[in-house]
Structures are given as structure tokens and as C-alpha cells.
Protein backbone atom coordinates (compact mmCIF):
# COMPACT_ATOMS: atom_id res chain seq x y z
CA MET A 1 26.69 1.09 -38.51
CA THR A 2 28.90 3.99 -39.64
CA SER A 3 32.69 3.94 -39.31
CA MET A 4 32.44 6.56 -36.56
CA GLU A 5 29.90 4.48 -34.59
CA PHE A 6 32.06 1.38 -35.00
CA HIS A 7 35.12 3.29 -33.76
CA LEU A 8 33.27 4.56 -30.68
CA LEU A 9 32.11 1.04 -29.90
CA SER A 10 35.38 -0.74 -30.60
CA GLU A 11 37.64 1.72 -28.74
CA PRO A 12 36.36 0.85 -25.22
CA CYS A 13 36.37 -2.83 -26.22
CA ALA A 14 40.02 -2.53 -27.26
CA TRP A 15 40.81 -0.87 -23.91
CA LEU A 16 39.11 -3.74 -22.05
CA VAL A 17 41.02 -6.35 -24.06
CA ALA A 18 44.29 -4.54 -23.31
CA HIS A 19 43.44 -4.75 -19.60
CA GLY A 20 42.53 -8.44 -19.57
CA SER A 21 38.78 -8.23 -20.17
CA SER A 22 36.33 -7.77 -23.08
CA CYS A 23 33.03 -6.14 -24.01
CA PRO A 24 31.06 -9.43 -23.72
CA GLU A 25 32.48 -9.86 -20.22
CA LEU A 26 31.51 -6.27 -19.29
CA PHE A 27 27.98 -6.67 -20.65
CA GLY A 28 27.75 -10.03 -18.91
CA PHE A 29 28.82 -8.36 -15.67
CA ILE A 30 26.14 -5.67 -15.93
CA THR A 31 23.28 -7.97 -16.93
CA GLY A 32 24.40 -10.57 -14.38
CA VAL A 33 24.30 -8.21 -11.42
CA LEU A 34 20.93 -6.78 -12.43
CA ASN A 35 19.57 -10.27 -13.09
CA VAL A 36 20.48 -11.71 -9.67
CA TRP A 37 19.53 -8.55 -7.78
CA LEU A 38 16.04 -8.63 -9.32
CA ILE A 39 15.72 -12.36 -8.53
CA THR A 40 16.45 -11.69 -4.84
CA ARG A 41 13.48 -9.33 -4.97
CA GLU A 42 11.31 -11.91 -6.80
CA ASN A 43 11.02 -9.51 -9.76
CA ILE A 44 9.84 -11.09 -13.01
CA TRP A 45 12.09 -8.83 -15.12
CA SER A 46 15.10 -10.75 -13.88
CA TRP A 47 14.43 -13.43 -16.49
CA PRO A 48 14.81 -11.33 -19.68
CA LEU A 49 18.12 -10.12 -18.29
CA GLY A 50 19.04 -13.74 -17.66
CA VAL A 51 18.56 -14.46 -21.36
CA LEU A 52 20.92 -11.62 -22.31
CA ASN A 53 23.45 -12.65 -19.67
CA ALA A 54 23.56 -16.22 -21.00
CA GLY A 55 24.35 -14.94 -24.49
CA PHE A 56 27.22 -12.73 -23.37
CA TYR A 57 28.81 -15.40 -21.18
CA ALA A 58 28.54 -18.09 -23.85
CA VAL A 59 31.02 -15.97 -25.80
CA VAL A 60 33.27 -15.32 -22.78
CA PHE A 61 33.55 -18.95 -21.69
CA ALA A 62 34.03 -20.31 -25.21
CA ARG A 63 37.05 -18.03 -25.59
CA THR A 64 38.66 -19.29 -22.37
CA GLY A 65 38.21 -23.05 -22.78
CA LEU A 66 35.52 -23.46 -20.12
CA TYR A 67 33.40 -25.61 -22.42
CA SER A 68 31.05 -27.00 -19.78
CA ASP A 69 30.25 -23.43 -18.75
CA THR A 70 29.75 -22.50 -22.42
CA GLY A 71 27.14 -25.22 -22.84
CA LEU A 72 25.59 -24.23 -19.53
CA GLN A 73 24.70 -20.83 -20.96
CA ALA A 74 22.42 -22.47 -23.54
CA VAL A 75 20.66 -24.29 -20.71
CA TYR A 76 20.47 -21.03 -18.72
CA LEU A 77 18.81 -19.37 -21.70
CA VAL A 78 16.15 -22.07 -21.91
CA LEU A 79 15.63 -22.10 -18.13
CA SER A 80 15.35 -18.30 -18.10
CA LEU A 81 12.54 -18.50 -20.64
CA TYR A 82 10.90 -21.25 -18.59
CA GLY A 83 11.38 -19.33 -15.33
CA TRP A 84 9.84 -16.25 -16.90
CA TRP A 85 6.69 -18.21 -17.72
CA HIS A 86 6.62 -20.30 -14.53
CA TRP A 87 6.95 -17.36 -12.14
CA LEU A 88 4.01 -15.69 -13.87
CA ARG A 89 1.69 -18.63 -14.50
CA GLY A 90 3.06 -21.75 -12.81
CA GLY A 91 1.26 -21.49 -9.48
CA PRO A 92 -2.09 -23.03 -8.47
CA GLY A 93 -4.79 -21.79 -10.82
CA HIS A 94 -2.11 -20.39 -13.14
CA GLU A 95 -1.24 -17.74 -10.57
CA ALA A 96 2.23 -16.42 -9.66
CA VAL A 97 4.55 -18.90 -7.92
CA ILE A 98 5.45 -18.41 -4.24
CA VAL A 99 8.67 -19.32 -2.42
CA THR A 100 8.64 -22.78 -0.83
CA ARG A 101 11.15 -25.11 0.80
CA THR A 102 12.56 -28.01 -1.21
CA PRO A 103 10.78 -31.33 -0.56
CA ARG A 104 13.10 -34.21 0.39
CA ARG A 105 12.23 -36.27 -2.69
CA THR A 106 13.01 -33.30 -4.94
CA ALA A 107 16.31 -32.71 -3.13
CA LEU A 108 17.38 -36.35 -3.65
CA LEU A 109 16.44 -36.15 -7.32
CA MET A 110 18.50 -32.97 -7.73
CA VAL A 111 21.53 -34.65 -6.14
CA ALA A 112 21.22 -37.61 -8.52
CA ILE A 113 20.92 -35.32 -11.56
CA ALA A 114 23.94 -33.29 -10.46
CA LEU A 115 26.11 -36.40 -10.05
CA VAL A 116 25.14 -37.93 -13.39
CA SER A 117 25.56 -34.68 -15.32
CA TRP A 118 28.93 -34.05 -13.61
CA VAL A 119 30.39 -37.36 -14.78
CA MET A 120 28.92 -37.03 -18.27
CA LEU A 121 30.11 -33.46 -18.81
CA ALA A 122 33.60 -34.10 -17.47
CA THR A 123 34.00 -37.24 -19.59
CA ILE A 124 33.03 -35.32 -22.73
CA THR A 125 34.84 -32.02 -22.16
CA ARG A 126 38.14 -33.43 -20.90
CA ARG A 127 38.75 -34.78 -24.40
CA LEU A 128 38.25 -31.39 -26.07
CA PRO A 129 41.37 -29.43 -27.09
CA GLY A 130 42.07 -26.55 -24.72
CA ALA A 131 39.69 -27.75 -22.02
CA ALA A 132 40.50 -26.08 -18.69
CA LEU A 133 40.02 -27.99 -15.40
CA PRO A 134 37.26 -30.18 -16.92
CA TRP A 135 36.29 -32.07 -13.75
CA LEU A 136 36.01 -28.96 -11.60
CA ASP A 137 34.31 -27.03 -14.39
CA ALA A 138 31.80 -29.85 -14.90
CA ALA A 139 31.07 -30.12 -11.17
CA LEU A 140 30.35 -26.41 -10.89
CA VAL A 141 28.20 -26.49 -14.00
CA SER A 142 26.18 -29.46 -12.73
CA ILE A 143 25.46 -27.80 -9.39
CA SER A 144 24.67 -24.51 -11.13
CA LEU A 145 22.23 -26.27 -13.44
CA VAL A 146 20.38 -27.77 -10.48
CA ALA A 147 20.40 -24.44 -8.63
CA GLN A 148 19.04 -22.61 -11.68
CA TYR A 149 16.20 -25.10 -12.08
CA MET A 150 15.36 -24.79 -8.38
CA MET A 151 15.32 -21.02 -8.81
CA THR A 152 12.76 -21.26 -11.63
CA ARG A 153 10.57 -23.23 -9.18
CA LYS A 154 11.19 -20.69 -6.38
CA LEU A 155 12.68 -23.34 -4.09
CA LEU A 156 14.40 -21.56 -1.20
CA GLU A 157 17.49 -23.78 -1.00
CA ASN A 158 18.69 -22.81 -4.47
CA TRP A 159 20.51 -19.93 -2.78
CA LEU A 160 22.57 -22.30 -0.60
CA LEU A 161 23.83 -24.02 -3.75
CA TRP A 162 24.67 -20.68 -5.35
CA ILE A 163 26.61 -19.58 -2.27
CA ALA A 164 28.78 -22.72 -2.42
CA VAL A 165 29.28 -22.48 -6.19
CA ASP A 166 30.10 -18.77 -6.18
CA VAL A 167 32.90 -19.22 -3.64
CA VAL A 168 34.64 -21.78 -5.88
CA TYR A 169 33.93 -19.86 -9.09
CA ILE A 170 35.72 -16.78 -7.77
CA GLY A 171 38.96 -18.74 -7.52
CA LEU A 172 38.40 -20.46 -10.87
CA PHE A 173 37.91 -17.19 -12.76
CA ILE A 174 40.99 -15.67 -11.14
CA ASN A 175 42.88 -18.76 -12.34
CA ARG A 176 41.51 -18.32 -15.88
CA GLN A 177 42.45 -14.62 -15.92
CA LEU A 178 38.88 -13.33 -15.97
CA PRO A 179 39.16 -10.64 -13.29
CA LEU A 180 35.90 -8.88 -14.09
CA THR A 181 34.00 -12.16 -13.94
CA ALA A 182 35.70 -13.01 -10.64
CA ILE A 183 34.48 -9.69 -9.24
CA LEU A 184 31.03 -10.43 -10.65
CA TYR A 185 30.88 -13.73 -8.78
CA ALA A 186 31.98 -12.00 -5.59
CA VAL A 187 28.97 -9.73 -6.09
CA PHE A 188 26.86 -12.82 -6.83
CA LEU A 189 28.02 -14.31 -3.53
CA VAL A 190 26.78 -11.28 -1.60
CA LEU A 191 23.52 -11.30 -3.57
CA ALA A 192 23.05 -15.04 -2.98
CA ILE A 193 23.34 -14.51 0.77
CA THR A 194 20.89 -11.61 0.51
CA GLY A 195 18.56 -13.68 -1.66
CA TYR A 196 18.52 -16.52 0.86
CA VAL A 197 17.63 -14.16 3.70
CA GLN A 198 14.87 -12.44 1.71
CA TRP A 199 13.38 -15.65 0.29
CA HIS A 200 13.52 -17.26 3.74
CA ARG A 201 11.42 -14.40 5.08
CA SER A 202 9.01 -14.79 2.17
CA ALA A 203 8.66 -18.55 2.76
CA THR A 204 8.13 -17.97 6.48
CA ARG A 205 5.38 -15.41 5.81
CA THR A 206 3.66 -17.89 3.48
CA GLU A 207 3.87 -20.66 6.06
CA LEU A 208 2.48 -18.44 8.81
CA ALA A 209 -0.39 -17.31 6.57
CA SER A 210 -1.14 -20.95 5.72
CA GLU A 211 -1.20 -21.90 9.42
CA ARG A 212 -3.66 -19.10 10.17
CA THR A 213 -6.05 -20.20 7.41
CA ASN A 214 -5.88 -23.80 8.60
């Protein structure tokens, strides 16, 4: 990279830093919006963007002391790779996966995983120097982890979890002086509502088609 190219890249980053943001946060914003919008449309290209988004936000959260959220990005990256494969080949006969409702046994298992991971994460991160709101951060991370896994399986109710999480995250990011990320999660909230409506229609169409064939 030449000195001129570096200057052109660093100048907008310096402007963002001066106004309470950063280039990783901006790139995370862009990839995050595109990622979730494509997921609402069941578009497979959402997952590569999810990988990029996890990388950008790992940097953002590490800088602000949200260590549970930092670790979550590594899990998001792995789940994005898994979701990419599963959406393409995880259905019956290695076909594309369709939207379904969450079975009761799966829902109970997800609740148990969320509770255990919440306590474990909070216990670990609250001892780290500079940790910010470790119990709340860990709770949001645990629910997000479950929601992300459910999304890779195309379980409809993942959107209900995201709606609840996004509402709380907006306030958390305002508290941590991450205004661009707070706006991003407000956009995520709207997209999560949209995603629930669209996936609900998709699940209903599948159920009606199944009833006709039976």
C-alpha cells in the first residue's frame, strides 16, 4: 500500500474516531445490515457476509470491554460457515433447508444451553479487567448464540429471540458509546420483525403444501 493510499484510507477512519466511531464499526454496520436483510429473504449469500461481519465486530467489542460479545464473534464465524453449508445441503436428500417451527424438545434444549452458557460466561468475564456489564453482556450473548444456531437450522422462532435481544442491545450500545452500532441494532430490530413475518409466511406455505400432499 502506497503512502497516498494509506492516507486516503486512514483519513475517513480518523474522522470516524473523532466522532465516536471507527472503520471496523462502519464496515461491521454495512456487512451487518446486508447480512440480516439477505437472511430475511432466505438468501444463501447472507452467510459470507456474516463471516466478514463477525471479524469486524470482534475488533469493535474487544476495544470496548464487551468480552463476551468479542468471543461471540468467533462462534458467529463458525456458525456462519456451518449455516452456509446447512442451508445448501442440510435438507432431506442433501437438498436446501426449508423454514420450520421449533419443536418443543429443541426449544427446551435451547433454553437449557442459554442458561448454562450465561452463568459460565458471566463468571469468567466478570473477573477480566475492564469488563463492562458482564452479567447483562453474557445474557445477551447466550441468547444470541441460541438464536444464531436456530437461524442456521431455519427455525422460525429465532426471529423472536433476535427481536428481544436487539431491543436490549440498543440501550447497551448507547451506554458503551457505540452510536453507530446502536443504530445498526435498531435496523436489526426492524429487519428481525420483517424476517419473522416473511419466514412465517414461508413456513405456512410449506405446511399447506404438506397438507395437500397428505
